[in-house]
């Protein structure tokens, strides 16, 4: 046993905070926790947090009077997967299509769970999957 009991937060990197906010808050309905213009917007997702950072801003070392969070950041599209039970997954898929988002993939894994994939405005791969995706693997 490692003592690790889940993912507390997941980070994605975006170019446009307004577009990220429109997608994650407006389209998906995640509540905004905080926003720092030009750097990040954070969203509540159940017991987890989705951190949307402007990568270039997170590569700057912290100021002497700031919290000592090390520089980080990524290049290129990342991946984020949300747990969504059926039939909420079908309703969410319909909402994504109604919002003008192209469904990149919608399928059932060989062991049964369904996944739906779209791209966020920054090009990140966003997956919505039944909670049994990993428990039945």
Protein backbone atom coordinates (compact mmCIF):
# COMPACT_ATOMS: atom_id res chain seq x y z
CA UNK A 1 0.00 0.00 0.00
CA UNK A 2 1.44 3.36 -1.01
CA UNK A 3 -0.82 5.63 1.02
CA UNK A 4 -1.92 7.32 -2.22
CA UNK A 5 -5.69 7.36 -2.51
CA UNK A 6 -6.46 9.33 -5.66
CA UNK A 7 -5.59 12.29 -7.85
CA UNK A 8 -5.93 15.61 -6.04
CA UNK A 9 -5.33 17.81 -9.08
CA UNK A 10 -4.55 17.52 -12.77
CA UNK A 11 -2.87 20.23 -14.86
CA UNK A 12 -3.46 21.10 -18.47
CA UNK A 13 -1.74 23.84 -20.42
CA UNK A 14 -3.66 26.38 -22.49
CA UNK A 15 -2.95 29.42 -24.64
CA UNK A 16 -6.14 31.34 -23.92
CA UNK A 17 -7.65 31.53 -20.42
CA UNK A 18 -10.93 32.96 -21.73
CA UNK A 19 -11.36 30.02 -24.11
CA UNK A 20 -10.43 27.56 -21.35
CA UNK A 21 -12.94 29.17 -19.01
CA UNK A 22 -15.66 29.10 -21.69
CA UNK A 23 -15.06 25.37 -22.24
CA UNK A 24 -14.48 24.05 -18.72
CA UNK A 25 -16.91 26.41 -16.93
CA UNK A 26 -19.35 27.34 -19.68
CA UNK A 27 -19.66 24.07 -21.61
CA UNK A 28 -18.79 21.50 -18.93
CA UNK A 29 -20.15 23.43 -15.94
CA UNK A 30 -17.08 23.14 -13.69
CA UNK A 31 -17.05 25.78 -10.96
CA UNK A 32 -14.22 28.33 -11.06
CA UNK A 33 -12.09 28.31 -7.92
CA UNK A 34 -9.71 31.11 -8.84
CA UNK A 35 -8.25 32.93 -11.81
CA UNK A 36 -5.02 34.91 -12.15
CA UNK A 37 -5.03 36.82 -15.42
CA UNK A 38 -2.26 35.74 -17.77
CA UNK A 39 -1.33 32.71 -15.62
CA UNK A 40 -4.11 30.30 -14.68
CA UNK A 41 -7.73 29.44 -14.02
CA UNK A 42 -8.59 26.59 -11.62
CA UNK A 43 -11.81 24.56 -11.62
CA UNK A 44 -13.51 22.34 -9.04
CA UNK A 45 -14.33 18.84 -10.31
CA UNK A 46 -15.89 16.75 -7.56
CA UNK A 47 -13.15 16.00 -5.03
CA UNK A 48 -10.45 16.97 -7.57
CA UNK A 49 -9.20 20.19 -9.12
CA UNK A 50 -8.45 20.90 -12.79
CA UNK A 51 -5.62 23.41 -13.14
CA UNK A 52 -5.50 25.25 -16.49
CA UNK A 53 -2.16 27.05 -16.80
CA UNK A 54 -0.57 29.26 -19.43
CA UNK A 55 2.65 27.22 -19.74
CA UNK A 56 5.01 30.16 -20.35
CA UNK A 57 3.78 31.87 -17.16
CA UNK A 58 4.40 28.76 -15.05
CA UNK A 59 7.98 28.46 -16.24
CA UNK A 60 8.92 31.67 -14.43
CA UNK A 61 10.64 31.15 -11.08
CA UNK A 62 8.62 32.35 -8.10
CA UNK A 63 9.23 35.85 -6.80
CA UNK A 64 11.17 36.02 -3.50
CA UNK A 65 7.98 36.86 -1.58
CA UNK A 66 5.79 34.21 -3.33
CA UNK A 67 5.06 30.61 -2.48
CA UNK A 68 8.03 28.41 -3.50
CA UNK A 69 6.20 26.48 -6.24
CA UNK A 70 8.85 25.28 -8.70
CA UNK A 71 8.57 26.29 -12.36
CA UNK A 72 6.78 23.77 -14.56
CA UNK A 73 4.88 23.66 -17.84
CA UNK A 74 4.45 21.40 -20.82
CA UNK A 75 4.60 21.68 -24.58
CA UNK A 76 1.89 20.37 -26.87
CA UNK A 77 -1.50 18.89 -26.17
CA UNK A 78 -2.08 16.88 -23.02
CA UNK A 79 -4.83 14.55 -21.89
CA UNK A 80 -7.50 14.77 -19.20
CA UNK A 81 -10.17 12.17 -18.43
CA UNK A 82 -13.37 12.91 -16.52
CA UNK A 83 -15.38 10.15 -14.83
CA UNK A 84 -19.00 10.28 -16.06
CA UNK A 85 -21.52 7.49 -15.38
CA UNK A 86 -24.10 6.39 -17.95
CA UNK A 87 -26.69 7.75 -18.78
CA UNK A 88 -25.08 11.11 -17.91
CA UNK A 89 -22.40 10.29 -20.49
CA UNK A 90 -24.94 10.18 -23.32
CA UNK A 91 -26.50 13.47 -22.16
CA UNK A 92 -23.05 15.07 -21.94
CA UNK A 93 -22.19 13.87 -25.45
CA UNK A 94 -25.37 15.52 -26.74
CA UNK A 95 -24.44 18.75 -24.92
CA UNK A 96 -20.95 18.72 -26.44
CA UNK A 97 -22.36 18.25 -29.94
CA UNK A 98 -24.92 21.03 -29.32
CA UNK A 99 -22.03 23.30 -28.28
CA UNK A 100 -20.43 22.69 -31.67
CA UNK A 101 -17.67 20.38 -30.49
CA UNK A 102 -16.62 17.59 -32.80
CA UNK A 103 -16.64 14.16 -31.20
CA UNK A 104 -13.23 12.71 -31.95
CA UNK A 105 -14.14 9.22 -30.77
CA UNK A 106 -17.03 7.48 -29.01
CA UNK A 107 -16.58 3.78 -28.30
CA UNK A 108 -16.78 0.95 -25.79
CA UNK A 109 -13.50 -0.54 -24.56
CA UNK A 110 -13.11 -4.33 -24.99
CA UNK A 111 -14.02 -4.83 -21.31
CA UNK A 112 -17.21 -2.72 -21.66
CA UNK A 113 -16.82 0.89 -20.42
CA UNK A 114 -17.54 3.72 -22.84
CA UNK A 115 -15.30 6.71 -23.61
CA UNK A 116 -16.09 9.90 -25.51
CA UNK A 117 -13.24 12.14 -26.68
CA UNK A 118 -13.20 15.82 -27.74
CA UNK A 119 -10.52 18.51 -27.98
CA UNK A 120 -10.58 21.61 -25.77
CA UNK A 121 -9.78 25.02 -27.31
CA UNK A 122 -6.05 24.51 -26.61
CA UNK A 123 -6.00 21.14 -28.40
CA UNK A 124 -5.87 19.01 -25.25
CA UNK A 125 -7.50 15.58 -25.57
CA UNK A 126 -10.46 15.54 -23.17
CA UNK A 127 -12.00 12.17 -22.42
CA UNK A 128 -15.26 11.45 -20.63
CA UNK A 129 -15.36 7.83 -19.47
CA UNK A 130 -17.51 5.54 -17.40
CA UNK A 131 -16.04 5.13 -13.89
CA UNK A 132 -15.43 1.41 -14.46
CA UNK A 133 -12.82 2.19 -17.13
CA UNK A 134 -9.93 1.28 -14.86
CA UNK A 135 -11.65 -0.88 -12.28
CA UNK A 136 -12.58 -3.46 -14.91
CA UNK A 137 -9.32 -3.37 -16.88
